[in-house]
N, C-alpha and C. Protein backbone atom coordinates (compact mmCIF):
# COMPACT_ATOMS: atom_id res chain seq x y z
N MET A 1 -110.16 109.32 91.04
CA MET A 1 -109.08 109.64 91.94
C MET A 1 -107.76 109.58 91.19
N THR A 2 -106.82 110.40 91.60
CA THR A 2 -105.50 110.44 90.97
C THR A 2 -104.44 109.88 91.93
N ARG A 3 -103.24 109.72 91.43
CA ARG A 3 -102.14 109.27 92.28
C ARG A 3 -101.93 110.26 93.43
N GLN A 4 -102.06 111.55 93.15
CA GLN A 4 -101.91 112.55 94.20
C GLN A 4 -102.98 112.38 95.27
N ASP A 5 -104.21 112.08 94.88
CA ASP A 5 -105.28 111.83 95.84
C ASP A 5 -104.92 110.64 96.74
N ILE A 6 -104.41 109.60 96.12
CA ILE A 6 -104.02 108.39 96.87
C ILE A 6 -102.92 108.73 97.87
N GLU A 7 -101.87 109.39 97.40
CA GLU A 7 -100.76 109.73 98.30
C GLU A 7 -101.21 110.64 99.43
N ARG A 8 -102.05 111.60 99.12
CA ARG A 8 -102.58 112.51 100.14
C ARG A 8 -103.37 111.75 101.20
N GLU A 9 -104.20 110.82 100.77
CA GLU A 9 -105.02 110.03 101.70
C GLU A 9 -104.14 109.11 102.55
N VAL A 10 -103.15 108.49 101.95
CA VAL A 10 -102.26 107.60 102.70
C VAL A 10 -101.51 108.39 103.77
N ILE A 11 -101.01 109.56 103.42
CA ILE A 11 -100.33 110.41 104.41
C ILE A 11 -101.30 110.79 105.53
N ALA A 12 -102.54 111.11 105.18
CA ALA A 12 -103.55 111.47 106.18
C ALA A 12 -103.84 110.28 107.11
N VAL A 13 -103.93 109.09 106.55
CA VAL A 13 -104.17 107.89 107.36
C VAL A 13 -103.00 107.66 108.32
N PHE A 14 -101.79 107.78 107.84
CA PHE A 14 -100.64 107.57 108.71
C PHE A 14 -100.60 108.60 109.83
N HIS A 15 -101.01 109.81 109.53
CA HIS A 15 -101.07 110.85 110.57
C HIS A 15 -102.20 110.56 111.57
N ARG A 16 -103.38 110.28 111.05
CA ARG A 16 -104.57 110.09 111.88
C ARG A 16 -104.54 108.79 112.68
N GLU A 17 -104.20 107.70 112.03
CA GLU A 17 -104.28 106.38 112.67
C GLU A 17 -103.01 105.97 113.43
N PHE A 18 -101.86 106.43 112.94
CA PHE A 18 -100.60 105.95 113.50
C PHE A 18 -99.73 107.06 114.09
N GLU A 19 -100.24 108.31 114.03
CA GLU A 19 -99.54 109.47 114.57
C GLU A 19 -98.13 109.61 113.99
N ILE A 20 -98.03 109.39 112.68
CA ILE A 20 -96.76 109.52 111.96
C ILE A 20 -96.89 110.70 111.01
N ASP A 21 -96.08 111.73 111.25
CA ASP A 21 -96.08 112.91 110.39
C ASP A 21 -94.95 112.80 109.37
N ASN A 22 -95.22 113.25 108.17
CA ASN A 22 -94.22 113.27 107.10
C ASN A 22 -93.48 111.94 106.96
N PRO A 23 -94.21 110.86 106.72
CA PRO A 23 -93.55 109.56 106.60
C PRO A 23 -92.66 109.48 105.37
N ASP A 24 -91.62 108.70 105.49
CA ASP A 24 -90.70 108.43 104.39
C ASP A 24 -91.36 107.38 103.50
N PHE A 25 -91.56 107.70 102.23
CA PHE A 25 -92.27 106.80 101.32
C PHE A 25 -91.52 105.52 101.01
N ASP A 26 -90.21 105.51 101.25
CA ASP A 26 -89.41 104.34 100.91
C ASP A 26 -88.85 103.60 102.13
N ALA A 27 -89.20 104.05 103.32
CA ALA A 27 -88.72 103.40 104.55
C ALA A 27 -89.50 102.10 104.79
N ASP A 28 -88.81 101.11 105.34
CA ASP A 28 -89.46 99.86 105.71
C ASP A 28 -90.37 100.15 106.91
N LEU A 29 -91.65 99.90 106.75
CA LEU A 29 -92.63 100.24 107.79
C LEU A 29 -92.38 99.50 109.10
N ARG A 30 -91.96 98.27 109.01
CA ARG A 30 -91.70 97.48 110.22
C ARG A 30 -90.49 98.00 110.97
N GLU A 31 -89.43 98.25 110.25
CA GLU A 31 -88.19 98.70 110.89
C GLU A 31 -88.27 100.15 111.36
N THR A 32 -88.77 101.03 110.51
CA THR A 32 -88.76 102.46 110.81
C THR A 32 -89.88 102.88 111.75
N TYR A 33 -91.08 102.33 111.55
CA TYR A 33 -92.24 102.78 112.32
C TYR A 33 -92.84 101.71 113.22
N GLU A 34 -92.14 100.56 113.34
CA GLU A 34 -92.60 99.46 114.17
C GLU A 34 -94.03 99.03 113.81
N PHE A 35 -94.30 99.03 112.53
CA PHE A 35 -95.60 98.64 111.98
C PHE A 35 -95.79 97.14 112.22
N ASP A 36 -96.95 96.73 112.74
CA ASP A 36 -97.20 95.32 112.99
C ASP A 36 -98.47 94.85 112.28
N SER A 37 -98.86 93.61 112.53
CA SER A 37 -100.01 93.05 111.82
C SER A 37 -101.31 93.77 112.17
N ILE A 38 -101.45 94.23 113.39
CA ILE A 38 -102.66 94.99 113.76
C ILE A 38 -102.70 96.31 113.00
N ASP A 39 -101.55 96.97 112.86
CA ASP A 39 -101.48 98.19 112.06
C ASP A 39 -101.88 97.91 110.62
N ALA A 40 -101.43 96.77 110.10
CA ALA A 40 -101.76 96.41 108.71
C ALA A 40 -103.26 96.23 108.53
N ILE A 41 -103.92 95.64 109.52
CA ILE A 41 -105.37 95.46 109.45
C ILE A 41 -106.06 96.82 109.47
N GLU A 42 -105.62 97.71 110.34
CA GLU A 42 -106.19 99.06 110.40
C GLU A 42 -106.00 99.78 109.07
N LEU A 43 -104.83 99.60 108.46
CA LEU A 43 -104.57 100.22 107.18
C LEU A 43 -105.49 99.67 106.09
N LEU A 44 -105.69 98.36 106.08
CA LEU A 44 -106.60 97.77 105.08
C LEU A 44 -108.02 98.30 105.25
N LEU A 45 -108.46 98.47 106.49
CA LEU A 45 -109.79 99.04 106.74
C LEU A 45 -109.87 100.47 106.22
N ALA A 46 -108.80 101.24 106.41
CA ALA A 46 -108.77 102.62 105.91
C ALA A 46 -108.79 102.64 104.38
N ILE A 47 -108.11 101.69 103.76
CA ILE A 47 -108.11 101.59 102.30
C ILE A 47 -109.52 101.27 101.80
N GLU A 48 -110.20 100.35 102.48
CA GLU A 48 -111.57 100.02 102.10
C GLU A 48 -112.47 101.25 102.19
N THR A 49 -112.31 102.01 103.24
CA THR A 49 -113.10 103.23 103.40
C THR A 49 -112.81 104.20 102.27
N PHE A 50 -111.54 104.37 101.94
CA PHE A 50 -111.13 105.28 100.87
C PHE A 50 -111.70 104.83 99.52
N LEU A 51 -111.68 103.53 99.26
CA LEU A 51 -112.20 103.01 97.99
C LEU A 51 -113.72 102.93 97.98
N GLY A 52 -114.33 102.93 99.15
CA GLY A 52 -115.78 102.86 99.23
C GLY A 52 -116.35 101.47 99.09
N GLU A 53 -115.49 100.45 99.23
CA GLU A 53 -115.96 99.07 99.17
C GLU A 53 -114.93 98.14 99.77
N GLU A 54 -115.38 96.92 100.08
CA GLU A 54 -114.50 95.93 100.67
C GLU A 54 -113.44 95.45 99.69
N ILE A 55 -112.32 95.05 100.26
CA ILE A 55 -111.24 94.44 99.49
C ILE A 55 -111.42 92.93 99.61
N SER A 56 -111.34 92.22 98.50
CA SER A 56 -111.52 90.77 98.52
C SER A 56 -110.36 90.09 99.25
N GLN A 57 -110.59 88.84 99.64
CA GLN A 57 -109.52 88.08 100.30
C GLN A 57 -108.31 87.93 99.39
N ALA A 58 -108.54 87.70 98.11
CA ALA A 58 -107.43 87.58 97.16
C ALA A 58 -106.64 88.88 97.08
N GLU A 59 -107.34 90.00 97.09
CA GLU A 59 -106.66 91.31 97.05
C GLU A 59 -105.89 91.56 98.35
N LYS A 60 -106.44 91.13 99.47
CA LYS A 60 -105.75 91.29 100.74
C LYS A 60 -104.46 90.47 100.76
N LYS A 61 -104.52 89.28 100.17
CA LYS A 61 -103.32 88.43 100.10
C LYS A 61 -102.22 89.10 99.28
N GLN A 62 -102.60 89.90 98.29
CA GLN A 62 -101.61 90.61 97.48
C GLN A 62 -100.87 91.65 98.30
N ALA A 63 -101.44 92.07 99.42
CA ALA A 63 -100.84 93.11 100.26
C ALA A 63 -99.79 92.57 101.21
N ILE A 64 -99.68 91.27 101.32
CA ILE A 64 -98.79 90.67 102.31
C ILE A 64 -97.34 91.13 102.17
N GLY A 65 -96.86 91.30 100.97
CA GLY A 65 -95.46 91.67 100.76
C GLY A 65 -95.16 93.15 100.83
N ILE A 66 -96.15 93.95 101.11
CA ILE A 66 -95.95 95.41 101.13
C ILE A 66 -95.08 95.80 102.32
N ARG A 67 -94.06 96.64 102.04
CA ARG A 67 -93.13 97.06 103.10
C ARG A 67 -92.98 98.57 103.21
N THR A 68 -93.42 99.32 102.16
CA THR A 68 -93.21 100.77 102.17
C THR A 68 -94.50 101.51 101.83
N ILE A 69 -94.53 102.77 102.12
CA ILE A 69 -95.69 103.60 101.78
C ILE A 69 -95.83 103.71 100.27
N ARG A 70 -94.72 103.78 99.55
CA ARG A 70 -94.80 103.83 98.09
C ARG A 70 -95.50 102.58 97.56
N GLN A 71 -95.19 101.41 98.14
CA GLN A 71 -95.85 100.17 97.73
C GLN A 71 -97.34 100.19 98.09
N ILE A 72 -97.68 100.81 99.21
CA ILE A 72 -99.09 100.95 99.59
C ILE A 72 -99.82 101.77 98.53
N CYS A 73 -99.21 102.87 98.12
CA CYS A 73 -99.83 103.73 97.10
C CYS A 73 -99.98 102.98 95.77
N ASP A 74 -98.96 102.21 95.40
CA ASP A 74 -99.05 101.40 94.18
C ASP A 74 -100.20 100.39 94.29
N TYR A 75 -100.31 99.78 95.45
CA TYR A 75 -101.37 98.79 95.71
C TYR A 75 -102.75 99.43 95.58
N ILE A 76 -102.93 100.58 96.19
CA ILE A 76 -104.22 101.27 96.12
C ILE A 76 -104.52 101.69 94.68
N GLU A 77 -103.49 102.16 93.98
CA GLU A 77 -103.68 102.54 92.57
C GLU A 77 -104.16 101.35 91.75
N THR A 78 -103.57 100.19 91.98
CA THR A 78 -103.98 98.98 91.26
C THR A 78 -105.43 98.63 91.58
N LEU A 79 -105.80 98.71 92.86
CA LEU A 79 -107.19 98.43 93.25
C LEU A 79 -108.14 99.44 92.63
N ALA A 80 -107.76 100.71 92.62
CA ALA A 80 -108.61 101.76 92.06
C ALA A 80 -108.80 101.56 90.55
N LYS A 81 -107.74 101.18 89.86
CA LYS A 81 -107.85 100.92 88.42
C LYS A 81 -108.79 99.75 88.16
N LYS A 82 -108.66 98.71 88.96
CA LYS A 82 -109.51 97.53 88.81
C LYS A 82 -110.99 97.89 88.99
N ARG A 83 -111.24 98.87 89.86
CA ARG A 83 -112.61 99.29 90.14
C ARG A 83 -113.04 100.47 89.28
N ASP A 84 -112.18 100.86 88.36
CA ASP A 84 -112.44 101.98 87.46
C ASP A 84 -112.64 103.29 88.24
N LEU A 85 -111.85 103.48 89.30
CA LEU A 85 -111.91 104.69 90.12
C LEU A 85 -110.73 105.61 89.85
N PHE A 86 -109.73 105.11 89.13
CA PHE A 86 -108.50 105.85 88.93
C PHE A 86 -108.58 106.69 87.66
N SER A 87 -108.12 107.92 87.79
CA SER A 87 -108.01 108.78 86.60
C SER A 87 -106.63 109.41 86.60
N PRO A 88 -105.88 109.27 85.52
CA PRO A 88 -104.54 109.84 85.46
C PRO A 88 -104.59 111.36 85.68
N ALA A 89 -103.56 111.84 86.32
CA ALA A 89 -103.49 113.29 86.63
C ALA A 89 -103.39 114.13 85.40
C-alpha cells in the first residue's frame, strides 16, 4: 500500500462512516467535525479492517493524541511499515 492508498481509504471511511465529504486534512476532528470517543473506536476498527489485522493495545494508545486526518494517515503509514505493508509511491 502507498500513502495515496492510505489517504484514499481514510477519505472513504470518513464519507462512509461519518458522512463527511471532502474533509480538511489539518482540521481538528473534535472541533470541526464533533468527533468523539465512539467515533475514534469506529475509526480504529476501520483501520484494522484496512490493515487486515488487529491493532495492539500499545498501538491503540499511540493513537490517543491524534487530532487531524493527516495525523491519522501518518499513524496508519507507521502501522503499515511495521507490518511490512507499506510501499513508497
